Structure formats: C-alpha cells, structure tokens
PDB file of N, CA and C in Angstrom:
ATOM      1  N   MET A   1       0.845  -1.185   0.000  1.00  0.00           N
ATOM      2  CA  MET A   1       0.000   0.000   0.000  1.00  0.00           C
ATOM      3  C   MET A   1       0.886   1.243   0.000  1.00  0.00           C
ATOM      4  N   TYR A   2       0.600   2.149  -0.894  1.00  0.00           N
ATOM      5  CA  TYR A   2       1.348   3.407  -0.971  1.00  0.00           C
ATOM      6  C   TYR A   2       0.625   4.480  -0.165  1.00  0.00           C
ATOM      7  N   GLN A   3       1.415   5.272   0.567  1.00  0.00           N
ATOM      8  CA  GLN A   3       0.876   6.381   1.353  1.00  0.00           C
ATOM      9  C   GLN A   3       1.746   7.605   1.117  1.00  0.00           C
ATOM     10  N   GLN A   4       1.105   8.762   1.031  1.00  0.00           N
ATOM     11  CA  GLN A   4       1.870  10.000   0.927  1.00  0.00           C
ATOM     12  C   GLN A   4       2.091  10.556   2.327  1.00  0.00           C
ATOM     13  N   ILE A   5       3.357  10.835   2.641  1.00  0.00           N
ATOM     14  CA  ILE A   5       3.705  11.422   3.932  1.00  0.00           C
ATOM     15  C   ILE A   5       3.419  12.920   3.837  1.00  0.00           C
ATOM     16  N   PRO A   6       2.684  13.496   4.784  1.00  0.00           N
ATOM     17  CA  PRO A   6       2.227  14.887   4.662  1.00  0.00           C
ATOM     18  C   PRO A   6       3.311  15.934   4.973  1.00  0.00           C
ATOM     19  N   LEU A   7       4.286  16.048   4.093  1.00  0.00           N
ATOM     20  CA  LEU A   7       5.351  17.039   4.260  1.00  0.00           C
ATOM     21  C   LEU A   7       4.964  18.366   3.626  1.00  0.00           C
ATOM     22  N   THR A   8       5.445  19.441   4.223  1.00  0.00           N
ATOM     23  CA  THR A   8       5.267  20.788   3.680  1.00  0.00           C
ATOM     24  C   THR A   8       6.619  21.493   3.742  1.00  0.00           C
ATOM     25  N   SER A   9       6.641  22.743   3.351  1.00  0.00           N
ATOM     26  CA  SER A   9       7.871  23.531   3.424  1.00  0.00           C
ATOM     27  C   SER A   9       8.040  24.233   4.760  1.00  0.00           C
ATOM     28  N   GLU A  10       7.176  23.929   5.706  1.00  0.00           N
ATOM     29  CA  GLU A  10       7.288  24.531   7.034  1.00  0.00           C
ATOM     30  C   GLU A  10       8.569  24.040   7.707  1.00  0.00           C
ATOM     31  N   PRO A  11       9.405  24.945   8.196  1.00  0.00           N
ATOM     32  CA  PRO A  11      10.661  24.502   8.815  1.00  0.00           C
ATOM     33  C   PRO A  11      10.405  23.770  10.135  1.00  0.00           C
ATOM     34  N   ASN A  12      11.257  22.802  10.422  1.00  0.00           N
ATOM     35  CA  ASN A  12      11.208  22.060  11.687  1.00  0.00           C
ATOM     36  C   ASN A  12       9.825  21.495  11.990  1.00  0.00           C
ATOM     37  N   GLN A  13       9.264  20.809  11.006  1.00  0.00           N
ATOM     38  CA  GLN A  13       7.942  20.221  11.198  1.00  0.00           C
ATOM     39  C   GLN A  13       8.044  18.864  11.880  1.00  0.00           C
ATOM     40  N   GLU A  14       7.067  18.580  12.715  1.00  0.00           N
ATOM     41  CA  GLU A  14       7.009  17.315  13.435  1.00  0.00           C
ATOM     42  C   GLU A  14       5.563  16.860  13.442  1.00  0.00           C
ATOM     43  N   PHE A  15       5.346  15.597  13.085  1.00  0.00           N
ATOM     44  CA  PHE A  15       3.985  15.082  13.013  1.00  0.00           C
ATOM     45  C   PHE A  15       4.009  13.568  13.162  1.00  0.00           C
ATOM     46  N   GLU A  16       2.843  13.009  13.499  1.00  0.00           N
ATOM     47  CA  GLU A  16       2.699  11.564  13.637  1.00  0.00           C
ATOM     48  C   GLU A  16       2.031  11.006  12.395  1.00  0.00           C
ATOM     49  N   VAL A  17       2.474   9.812  11.994  1.00  0.00           N
ATOM     50  CA  VAL A  17       1.914   9.134  10.831  1.00  0.00           C
ATOM     51  C   VAL A  17       1.711   7.667  11.197  1.00  0.00           C
ATOM     52  N   THR A  18       0.562   7.136  10.830  1.00  0.00           N
ATOM     53  CA  THR A  18       0.338   5.707  10.947  1.00  0.00           C
ATOM     54  C   THR A  18       0.666   5.093   9.598  1.00  0.00           C
ATOM     55  N   LEU A  19       1.721   4.290   9.567  1.00  0.00           N
ATOM     56  CA  LEU A  19       2.130   3.620   8.339  1.00  0.00           C
ATOM     57  C   LEU A  19       1.585   2.204   8.340  1.00  0.00           C
ATOM     58  N   GLN A  20       1.090   1.781   7.197  1.00  0.00           N
ATOM     59  CA  GLN A  20       0.666   0.404   7.063  1.00  0.00           C
ATOM     60  C   GLN A  20       1.853  -0.384   6.513  1.00  0.00           C
ATOM     61  N   ILE A  21       2.452  -1.220   7.355  1.00  0.00           N
ATOM     62  CA  ILE A  21       3.642  -1.985   6.989  1.00  0.00           C
ATOM     63  C   ILE A  21       3.285  -3.461   7.031  1.00  0.00           C
ATOM     64  N   ASP A  22       3.347  -4.081   5.862  1.00  0.00           N
ATOM     65  CA  ASP A  22       2.938  -5.488   5.709  1.00  0.00           C
ATOM     66  C   ASP A  22       1.555  -5.730   6.297  1.00  0.00           C
ATOM     67  N   GLY A  23       0.630  -4.822   6.043  1.00  0.00           N
ATOM     68  CA  GLY A  23      -0.752  -4.974   6.474  1.00  0.00           C
ATOM     69  C   GLY A  23      -1.021  -4.626   7.922  1.00  0.00           C
ATOM     70  N   GLU A  24      -0.001  -4.202   8.651  1.00  0.00           N
ATOM     71  CA  GLU A  24      -0.161  -3.859  10.059  1.00  0.00           C
ATOM     72  C   GLU A  24       0.070  -2.362  10.251  1.00  0.00           C
ATOM     73  N   ASN A  25      -0.785  -1.709  11.026  1.00  0.00           N
ATOM     74  CA  ASN A  25      -0.628  -0.282  11.301  1.00  0.00           C
ATOM     75  C   ASN A  25       0.424  -0.053  12.377  1.00  0.00           C
ATOM     76  N   LYS A  26       1.382   0.816  12.072  1.00  0.00           N
ATOM     77  CA  LYS A  26       2.427   1.177  13.039  1.00  0.00           C
ATOM     78  C   LYS A  26       2.539   2.691  13.077  1.00  0.00           C
ATOM     79  N   ASN A  27       2.703   3.226  14.287  1.00  0.00           N
ATOM     80  CA  ASN A  27       2.742   4.676  14.482  1.00  0.00           C
ATOM     81  C   ASN A  27       4.176   5.174  14.591  1.00  0.00           C
ATOM     82  N   TYR A  28       4.468   6.203  13.802  1.00  0.00           N
ATOM     83  CA  TYR A  28       5.792   6.814  13.803  1.00  0.00           C
ATOM     84  C   TYR A  28       5.658   8.326  13.895  1.00  0.00           C
ATOM     85  N   LYS A  29       6.688   8.926  14.464  1.00  0.00           N
ATOM     86  CA  LYS A  29       6.785  10.390  14.481  1.00  0.00           C
ATOM     87  C   LYS A  29       7.834  10.765  13.442  1.00  0.00           C
ATOM     88  N   PHE A  30       7.481  11.687  12.566  1.00  0.00           N
ATOM     89  CA  PHE A  30       8.395  12.211  11.559  1.00  0.00           C
ATOM     90  C   PHE A  30       8.795  13.621  11.961  1.00  0.00           C
ATOM     91  N   ASN A  31      10.051  13.928  11.789  1.00  0.00           N
ATOM     92  CA  ASN A  31      10.560  15.282  11.978  1.00  0.00           C
ATOM     93  C   ASN A  31      11.318  15.634  10.707  1.00  0.00           C
ATOM     94  N   ALA A  32      10.929  16.727  10.075  1.00  0.00           N
ATOM     95  CA  ALA A  32      11.613  17.184   8.860  1.00  0.00           C
ATOM     96  C   ALA A  32      12.215  18.553   9.135  1.00  0.00           C
ATOM     97  N   ARG A  33      13.500  18.695   8.814  1.00  0.00           N
ATOM     98  CA  ARG A  33      14.225  19.942   9.069  1.00  0.00           C
ATOM     99  C   ARG A  33      14.995  20.354   7.820  1.00  0.00           C
ATOM    100  N   TRP A  34      15.066  21.642   7.601  1.00  0.00           N
ATOM    101  CA  TRP A  34      15.863  22.177   6.509  1.00  0.00           C
ATOM    102  C   TRP A  34      17.293  22.348   7.009  1.00  0.00           C
ATOM    103  N   ASN A  35      18.244  21.698   6.344  1.00  0.00           N
ATOM    104  CA  ASN A  35      19.660  21.823   6.682  1.00  0.00           C
ATOM    105  C   ASN A  35      20.205  23.000   5.876  1.00  0.00           C
ATOM    106  N   ARG A  36      20.415  24.126   6.529  1.00  0.00           N
ATOM    107  CA  ARG A  36      20.845  25.352   5.840  1.00  0.00           C
ATOM    108  C   ARG A  36      22.243  25.239   5.254  1.00  0.00           C
ATOM    109  N   VAL A  37      23.130  24.542   5.924  1.00  0.00           N
ATOM    110  CA  VAL A  37      24.507  24.415   5.444  1.00  0.00           C
ATOM    111  C   VAL A  37      24.551  23.577   4.165  1.00  0.00           C
ATOM    112  N   ALA A  38      23.865  22.438   4.174  1.00  0.00           N
ATOM    113  CA  ALA A  38      23.896  21.530   3.024  1.00  0.00           C
ATOM    114  C   ALA A  38      22.832  21.856   1.984  1.00  0.00           C
ATOM    115  N   SER A  39      21.858  22.686   2.340  1.00  0.00           N
ATOM    116  CA  SER A  39      20.747  23.071   1.457  1.00  0.00           C
ATOM    117  C   SER A  39      19.896  21.877   1.024  1.00  0.00           C
ATOM    118  N   TYR A  40      19.516  21.045   1.994  1.00  0.00           N
ATOM    119  CA  TYR A  40      18.541  19.993   1.719  1.00  0.00           C
ATOM    120  C   TYR A  40      17.769  19.666   3.003  1.00  0.00           C
ATOM    121  N   TRP A  41      16.632  19.003   2.817  1.00  0.00           N
ATOM    122  CA  TRP A  41      15.807  18.562   3.927  1.00  0.00           C
ATOM    123  C   TRP A  41      16.351  17.256   4.490  1.00  0.00           C
ATOM    124  N   VAL A  42      16.213  17.054   5.785  1.00  0.00           N
ATOM    125  CA  VAL A  42      16.529  15.783   6.431  1.00  0.00           C
ATOM    126  C   VAL A  42      15.323  15.354   7.256  1.00  0.00           C
ATOM    127  N   ILE A  43      15.134  14.041   7.358  1.00  0.00           N
ATOM    128  CA  ILE A  43      14.046  13.534   8.189  1.00  0.00           C
ATOM    129  C   ILE A  43      14.590  12.597   9.255  1.00  0.00           C
ATOM    130  N   THR A  44      13.917  12.617  10.387  1.00  0.00           N
ATOM    131  CA  THR A  44      14.167  11.677  11.471  1.00  0.00           C
ATOM    132  C   THR A  44      12.851  10.959  11.724  1.00  0.00           C
ATOM    133  N   ILE A  45      12.922   9.647  11.895  1.00  0.00           N
ATOM    134  CA  ILE A  45      11.732   8.843  12.136  1.00  0.00           C
ATOM    135  C   ILE A  45      11.889   8.154  13.490  1.00  0.00           C
ATOM    136  N   THR A  46      10.876   8.312  14.345  1.00  0.00           N
ATOM    137  CA  THR A  46      10.879   7.740  15.686  1.00  0.00           C
ATOM    138  C   THR A  46       9.703   6.789  15.834  1.00  0.00           C
ATOM    139  N   ASP A  47       9.945   5.618  16.404  1.00  0.00           N
ATOM    140  CA  ASP A  47       8.885   4.666  16.696  1.00  0.00           C
ATOM    141  C   ASP A  47       8.077   5.220  17.867  1.00  0.00           C
ATOM    142  N   GLN A  48       6.790   5.459  17.654  1.00  0.00           N
ATOM    143  CA  GLN A  48       5.944   6.055  18.698  1.00  0.00           C
ATOM    144  C   GLN A  48       5.769   5.121  19.899  1.00  0.00           C
ATOM    145  N   SER A  49       5.761   3.815  19.672  1.00  0.00           N
ATOM    146  CA  SER A  49       5.501   2.897  20.785  1.00  0.00           C
ATOM    147  C   SER A  49       6.692   2.768  21.731  1.00  0.00           C
ATOM    148  N   THR A  50       7.915   2.947  21.209  1.00  0.00           N
ATOM    149  CA  THR A  50       9.102   2.778  22.055  1.00  0.00           C
ATOM    150  C   THR A  50       9.853   4.077  22.314  1.00  0.00           C
ATOM    151  N   GLY A  51       9.600   5.090  21.502  1.00  0.00           N
ATOM    152  CA  GLY A  51      10.355   6.335  21.600  1.00  0.00           C
ATOM    153  C   GLY A  51      11.734   6.238  20.974  1.00  0.00           C
ATOM    154  N   GLU A  52      12.037   5.102  20.370  1.00  0.00           N
ATOM    155  CA  GLU A  52      13.349   4.866  19.763  1.00  0.00           C
ATOM    156  C   GLU A  52      13.444   5.522  18.387  1.00  0.00           C
ATOM    157  N   ILE A  53      14.556   6.229  18.163  1.00  0.00           N
ATOM    158  CA  ILE A  53      14.809   6.805  16.843  1.00  0.00           C
ATOM    159  C   ILE A  53      15.177   5.665  15.906  1.00  0.00           C
ATOM    160  N   VAL A  54      14.413   5.533  14.828  1.00  0.00           N
ATOM    161  CA  VAL A  54      14.616   4.459  13.871  1.00  0.00           C
ATOM    162  C   VAL A  54      15.604   4.893  12.790  1.00  0.00           C
ATOM    163  N   LEU A  55      15.439   6.096  12.297  1.00  0.00           N
ATOM    164  CA  LEU A  55      16.353   6.703  11.319  1.00  0.00           C
ATOM    165  C   LEU A  55      16.588   8.143  11.731  1.00  0.00           C
ATOM    166  N   ASP A  56      17.814   8.612  11.573  1.00  0.00           N
ATOM    167  CA  ASP A  56      18.123   9.971  12.001  1.00  0.00           C
ATOM    168  C   ASP A  56      18.825  10.741  10.894  1.00  0.00           C
ATOM    169  N   SER A  57      18.291  11.891  10.573  1.00  0.00           N
ATOM    170  CA  SER A  57      18.898  12.854   9.638  1.00  0.00           C
ATOM    171  C   SER A  57      19.161  12.276   8.255  1.00  0.00           C
ATOM    172  N   VAL A  58      18.161  11.567   7.708  1.00  0.00           N
ATOM    173  CA  VAL A  58      18.266  11.033   6.352  1.00  0.00           C
ATOM    174  C   VAL A  58      17.960  12.163   5.371  1.00  0.00           C
ATOM    175  N   PRO A  59      18.876  12.463   4.432  1.00  0.00           N
ATOM    176  CA  PRO A  59      18.642  13.561   3.491  1.00  0.00           C
ATOM    177  C   PRO A  59      17.554  13.235   2.475  1.00  0.00           C
ATOM    178  N   LEU A  60      16.724  14.224   2.173  1.00  0.00           N
ATOM    179  CA  LEU A  60      15.713  14.105   1.125  1.00  0.00           C
ATOM    180  C   LEU A  60      16.272  14.752  -0.136  1.00  0.00           C
ATOM    181  N   VAL A  61      16.986  13.974  -0.903  1.00  0.00           N
ATOM    182  CA  VAL A  61      17.570  14.465  -2.162  1.00  0.00           C
ATOM    183  C   VAL A  61      17.224  13.483  -3.261  1.00  0.00           C
ATOM    184  N   SER A  62      17.152  13.995  -4.477  1.00  0.00           N
ATOM    185  CA  SER A  62      16.857  13.119  -5.603  1.00  0.00           C
ATOM    186  C   SER A  62      18.076  13.042  -6.508  1.00  0.00           C
ATOM    187  N   GLY A  63      17.953  12.207  -7.519  1.00  0.00           N
ATOM    188  CA  GLY A  63      19.070  11.992  -8.433  1.00  0.00           C
ATOM    189  C   GLY A  63      18.984  12.828  -9.686  1.00  0.00           C
ATOM    190  N   GLY A  64      18.500  14.052  -9.583  1.00  0.00           N
ATOM    191  CA  GLY A  64      18.449  14.930 -10.748  1.00  0.00           C
ATOM    192  C   GLY A  64      17.299  14.577 -11.660  1.00  0.00           C
ATOM    193  N   ASP A  65      17.580  13.963 -12.815  1.00  0.00           N
ATOM    194  CA  ASP A  65      16.546  13.641 -13.788  1.00  0.00           C
ATOM    195  C   ASP A  65      15.705  12.432 -13.405  1.00  0.00           C
ATOM    196  N   VAL A  66      16.110  11.717 -12.381  1.00  0.00           N
ATOM    197  CA  VAL A  66      15.352  10.548 -11.953  1.00  0.00           C
ATOM    198  C   VAL A  66      14.074  11.030 -11.290  1.00  0.00           C
ATOM    199  N   THR A  67      12.928  10.478 -11.697  1.00  0.00           N
ATOM    200  CA  THR A  67      11.657  10.958 -11.152  1.00  0.00           C
ATOM    201  C   THR A  67      11.271  10.266  -9.858  1.00  0.00           C
ATOM    202  N   SER A  68      11.872   9.146  -9.550  1.00  0.00           N
ATOM    203  CA  SER A  68      11.542   8.424  -8.321  1.00  0.00           C
ATOM    204  C   SER A  68      12.801   7.770  -7.773  1.00  0.00           C
ATOM    205  N   ASP A  69      13.139   8.078  -6.572  1.00  0.00           N
ATOM    206  CA  ASP A  69      14.334   7.515  -5.951  1.00  0.00           C
ATOM    207  C   ASP A  69      13.962   6.697  -4.741  1.00  0.00           C
ATOM    208  N   ILE A  70      14.585   5.543  -4.599  1.00  0.00           N
ATOM    209  CA  ILE A  70      14.387   4.764  -3.381  1.00  0.00           C
ATOM    210  C   ILE A  70      15.179   5.464  -2.290  1.00  0.00           C
ATOM    211  N   LEU A  71      14.498   5.903  -1.270  1.00  0.00           N
ATOM    212  CA  LEU A  71      15.122   6.687  -0.219  1.00  0.00           C
ATOM    213  C   LEU A  71      15.582   5.818   0.950  1.00  0.00           C
ATOM    214  N   LEU A  72      14.747   4.916   1.375  1.00  0.00           N
ATOM    215  CA  LEU A  72      15.029   4.192   2.606  1.00  0.00           C
ATOM    216  C   LEU A  72      15.120   2.684   2.434  1.00  0.00           C
ATOM    217  N   ALA A  73      15.022   2.182   1.231  1.00  0.00           N
ATOM    218  CA  ALA A  73      15.005   0.735   1.030  1.00  0.00           C
ATOM    219  C   ALA A  73      16.327   0.090   1.421  1.00  0.00           C
ATOM    220  N   HIS A  74      17.427   0.837   1.358  1.00  0.00           N
ATOM    221  CA  HIS A  74      18.715   0.237   1.683  1.00  0.00           C
ATOM    222  C   HIS A  74      18.955   0.120   3.186  1.00  0.00           C
ATOM    223  N   TYR A  75      18.053   0.655   3.997  1.00  0.00           N
ATOM    224  CA  TYR A  75      18.131   0.455   5.443  1.00  0.00           C
ATOM    225  C   TYR A  75      17.342  -0.812   5.779  1.00  0.00           C
ATOM    226  N   SER A  76      17.936  -1.765   6.419  1.00  0.00           N
ATOM    227  CA  SER A  76      17.271  -3.038   6.731  1.00  0.00           C
ATOM    228  C   SER A  76      16.510  -2.921   8.046  1.00  0.00           C
ATOM    229  N   LEU A  77      15.456  -2.134   8.032  1.00  0.00           N
ATOM    230  CA  LEU A  77      14.723  -1.879   9.270  1.00  0.00           C
ATOM    231  C   LEU A  77      13.292  -2.382   9.229  1.00  0.00           C
ATOM    232  N   LYS A  78      12.912  -3.048   8.155  1.00  0.00           N
ATOM    233  CA  LYS A  78      11.560  -3.568   8.005  1.00  0.00           C
ATOM    234  C   LYS A  78      10.513  -2.468   8.122  1.00  0.00           C
ATOM    235  N   LEU A  79      10.804  -1.339   7.483  1.00  0.00           N
ATOM    236  CA  LEU A  79       9.864  -0.222   7.438  1.00  0.00           C
ATOM    237  C   LEU A  79       9.178  -0.100   6.093  1.00  0.00           C
ATOM    238  N   GLY A  80       9.641  -0.829   5.108  1.00  0.00           N
ATOM    239  CA  GLY A  80       9.196  -0.607   3.747  1.00  0.00           C
ATOM    240  C   GLY A  80      10.191   0.319   3.076  1.00  0.00           C
ATOM    241  N   ALA A  81       9.703   1.134   2.151  1.00  0.00           N
ATOM    242  CA  ALA A  81      10.595   2.030   1.420  1.00  0.00           C
ATOM    243  C   ALA A  81       9.923   3.375   1.211  1.00  0.00           C
ATOM    244  N   GLY A  82      10.724   4.425   1.253  1.00  0.00           N
ATOM    245  CA  GLY A  82      10.238   5.763   0.961  1.00  0.00           C
ATOM    246  C   GLY A  82      10.761   6.196  -0.396  1.00  0.00           C
ATOM    247  N   TYR A  83       9.902   6.818  -1.174  1.00  0.00           N
ATOM    248  CA  TYR A  83      10.275   7.303  -2.495  1.00  0.00           C
ATOM    249  C   TYR A  83      10.086   8.813  -2.539  1.00  0.00           C
ATOM    250  N   LEU A  84      11.119   9.518  -2.890  1.00  0.00           N
ATOM    251  CA  LEU A  84      11.019  10.962  -3.088  1.00  0.00           C
ATOM    252  C   LEU A  84      10.674  11.172  -4.549  1.00  0.00           C
ATOM    253  N   MET A  85       9.535  11.788  -4.808  1.00  0.00           N
ATOM    254  CA  MET A  85       9.051  11.901  -6.176  1.00  0.00           C
ATOM    255  C   MET A  85       8.671  13.336  -6.521  1.00  0.00           C
ATOM    256  N   SER A  86       8.973  13.705  -7.747  1.00  0.00           N
ATOM    257  CA  SER A  86       8.451  14.953  -8.272  1.00  0.00           C
ATOM    258  C   SER A  86       6.977  14.718  -8.579  1.00  0.00           C
ATOM    259  N   ILE A  87       6.115  15.632  -8.149  1.00  0.00           N
ATOM    260  CA  ILE A  87       4.684  15.471  -8.385  1.00  0.00           C
ATOM    261  C   ILE A  87       4.141  16.525  -9.339  1.00  0.00           C
ATOM    262  N   VAL A  88       5.043  17.239  -9.992  1.00  0.00           N
ATOM    263  CA  VAL A  88       4.669  18.202 -11.029  1.00  0.00           C
ATOM    264  C   VAL A  88       5.496  17.888 -12.272  1.00  0.00           C
ATOM    265  N   ASP A  89       5.023  18.354 -13.428  1.00  0.00           N
ATOM    266  CA  ASP A  89       5.731  18.084 -14.682  1.00  0.00           C
ATOM    267  C   ASP A  89       7.102  18.739 -14.744  1.00  0.00           C
ATOM    268  N   ALA A  90       7.193  19.957 -14.261  1.00  0.00           N
ATOM    269  CA  ALA A  90       8.461  20.686 -14.321  1.00  0.00           C
ATOM    270  C   ALA A  90       8.766  21.294 -12.956  1.00  0.00           C
ATOM    271  N   PRO A  91       9.392  20.507 -12.055  1.00  0.00           N
ATOM    272  CA  PRO A  91       9.692  21.056 -10.730  1.00  0.00           C
ATOM    273  C   PRO A  91      10.672  22.218 -10.827  1.00  0.00           C
ATOM    274  N   SER A  92      10.607  23.098  -9.855  1.00  0.00           N
ATOM    275  CA  SER A  92      11.452  24.301  -9.873  1.00  0.00           C
ATOM    276  C   SER A  92      12.900  24.006  -9.510  1.00  0.00           C
ATOM    277  N   SER A  93      13.204  22.765  -9.073  1.00  0.00           N
ATOM    278  CA  SER A  93      14.574  22.371  -8.739  1.00  0.00           C
ATOM    279  C   SER A  93      14.689  20.847  -8.882  1.00  0.00           C
ATOM    280  N   ASP A  94      15.926  20.340  -8.876  1.00  0.00           N
ATOM    281  CA  ASP A  94      16.145  18.899  -9.007  1.00  0.00           C
ATOM    282  C   ASP A  94      15.765  18.131  -7.741  1.00  0.00           C
ATOM    283  N   SER A  95      15.903  18.749  -6.598  1.00  0.00           N
ATOM    284  CA  SER A  95      15.547  18.169  -5.309  1.00  0.00           C
ATOM    285  C   SER A  95      14.699  19.183  -4.560  1.00  0.00           C
ATOM    286  N   PRO A  96      13.981  18.746  -3.536  1.00  0.00           N
ATOM    287  CA  PRO A  96      13.182  19.705  -2.773  1.00  0.00           C
ATOM    288  C   PRO A  96      14.060  20.807  -2.189  1.00  0.00           C
ATOM    289  N   ASN A  97      13.627  22.038  -2.364  1.00  0.00           N
ATOM    290  CA  ASN A  97      14.358  23.148  -1.761  1.00  0.00           C
ATOM    291  C   ASN A  97      13.569  23.668  -0.566  1.00  0.00           C
ATOM    292  N   MET A  98      13.979  24.787  -0.055  1.00  0.00           N
ATOM    293  CA  MET A  98      13.386  25.330   1.168  1.00  0.00           C
ATOM    294  C   MET A  98      11.907  25.684   0.996  1.00  0.00           C
ATOM    295  N   THR A  99      11.445  25.869  -0.239  1.00  0.00           N
ATOM    296  CA  THR A  99      10.073  26.341  -0.443  1.00  0.00           C
ATOM    297  C   THR A  99       9.166  25.393  -1.214  1.00  0.00           C
ATOM    298  N   ASN A 100       9.685  24.308  -1.814  1.00  0.00           N
ATOM    299  CA  ASN A 100       8.802  23.503  -2.672  1.00  0.00           C
ATOM    300  C   ASN A 100       8.545  22.070  -2.185  1.00  0.00           C
ATOM    301  N   LEU A 101       8.969  21.729  -0.980  1.00  0.00           N
ATOM    302  CA  LEU A 101       8.658  20.410  -0.433  1.00  0.00           C
ATOM    303  C   LEU A 101       7.158  20.336  -0.172  1.00  0.00           C
ATOM    304  N   GLY A 102       6.531  19.279  -0.655  1.00  0.00           N
ATOM    305  CA  GLY A 102       5.083  19.135  -0.512  1.00  0.00           C
ATOM    306  C   GLY A 102       4.310  19.752  -1.658  1.00  0.00           C
ATOM    307  N   GLU A 103       4.957  20.594  -2.454  1.00  0.00           N
ATOM    308  CA  GLU A 103       4.312  21.195  -3.620  1.00  0.00           C
ATOM    309  C   GLU A 103       4.863  20.605  -4.917  1.00  0.00           C
ATOM    310  N   ASP A 104       6.182  20.593  -5.069  1.00  0.00           N
ATOM    311  CA  ASP A 104       6.827  20.009  -6.249  1.00  0.00           C
ATOM    312  C   ASP A 104       7.276  18.573  -5.991  1.00  0.00           C
ATOM    313  N   PHE A 105       7.515  18.230  -4.738  1.00  0.00           N
ATOM    314  CA  PHE A 105       8.023  16.913  -4.357  1.00  0.00           C
ATOM    315  C   PHE A 105       7.203  16.325  -3.211  1.00  0.00           C
ATOM    316  N   ALA A 106       7.057  15.011  -3.245  1.00  0.00           N
ATOM    317  CA  ALA A 106       6.341  14.308  -2.186  1.00  0.00           C
ATOM    318  C   ALA A 106       7.150  13.090  -1.764  1.00  0.00           C
ATOM    319  N   LEU A 107       6.950  12.680  -0.519  1.00  0.00           N
ATOM    320  CA  LEU A 107       7.532  11.452  -0.011  1.00  0.00           C
ATOM    321  C   LEU A 107       6.414  10.418   0.011  1.00  0.00           C
ATOM    322  N   ILE A 108       6.576   9.370  -0.810  1.00  0.00           N
ATOM    323  CA  ILE A 108       5.585   8.313  -0.924  1.00  0.00           C
ATOM    324  C   ILE A 108       6.135   7.068  -0.223  1.00  0.00           C
ATOM    325  N   TRP A 109       5.310   6.455   0.623  1.00  0.00           N
ATOM    326  CA  TRP A 109       5.759   5.306   1.397  1.00  0.00           C
ATOM    327  C   TRP A 109       5.130   4.033   0.852  1.00  0.00           C
ATOM    328  N   ASP A 110       5.953   3.014   0.683  1.00  0.00           N
ATOM    329  CA  ASP A 110       5.507   1.690   0.292  1.00  0.00           C
ATOM    330  C   ASP A 110       5.741   0.760   1.480  1.00  0.00           C
ATOM    331  N   GLY A 111       4.684   0.282   2.087  1.00  0.00           N
ATOM    332  CA  GLY A 111       4.798  -0.513   3.297  1.00  0.00           C
ATOM    333  C   GLY A 111       4.985  -2.001   3.073  1.00  0.00           C
ATOM    334  N   GLU A 112       5.220  -2.416   1.837  1.00  0.00           N
ATOM    335  CA  GLU A 112       5.489  -3.836   1.574  1.00  0.00           C
ATOM    336  C   GLU A 112       6.937  -4.129   1.873  1.00  0.00           C
ATOM    337  N   ILE A 113       7.187  -5.151   2.669  1.00  0.00           N
ATOM    338  CA  ILE A 113       8.567  -5.521   3.008  1.00  0.00           C
ATOM    339  C   ILE A 113       8.957  -6.731   2.181  1.00  0.00           C
TER     340      ILE A 113
END
C-alpha cells in the first residue's frame, strides 16, 4: 500500500503518521528539518511505541533527472521504502528546496517488506 507522507515547506515540522507496513498499522513520528549548510531537507523517524529513533537525519535528495528515488530501502529496518518523487511536470529544482517540499516533491511510502 502506498501512502503520501504529509510534508510541507514549514521549517522544523514534526507530526505523527500511521504507516501500514505489511498490512499492520504502526505509528511513527516524523521530523523534517531544513539543513541550511547543506541546502537539503533531512528527516528523522521515531517509533511512537518505544520512543526509539529508527532513522536519524536522512537527506531528502533526488538523483536529478530521476523521477523516483528509493530513499530508505537500503536500510534493513523492516519499514518498507520511501520514495522521493516529483509530483509536477516541471519542478522548480532537481531536489526539494526550502520552499517547494510538498508542492513540487512528495515522499511516498511503500509498506510492503
């Protein structure tokens, strides 16, 4: 099942998401921050039931002309995979910038492991 993670360009956003992973609902807290030095967004994912940080400061960057990048599949955490995708025909940048996250780019979650 694919789910869109509700990201916006609001700095230092934090929200809870129920992800369906292998047919089971699991609650996570997402934190998205703009890294001013590197000029990209990073996300931290925390397991709501344990308070344990599952992933920390993963950059949200794309591969330029690639329209869909596997973001988290290479982490063996049984979370599924996150895809950073352009959701417009002509995004204003190759990767999400400080103002177009959630408008030109979306994080799509695939909960199949």
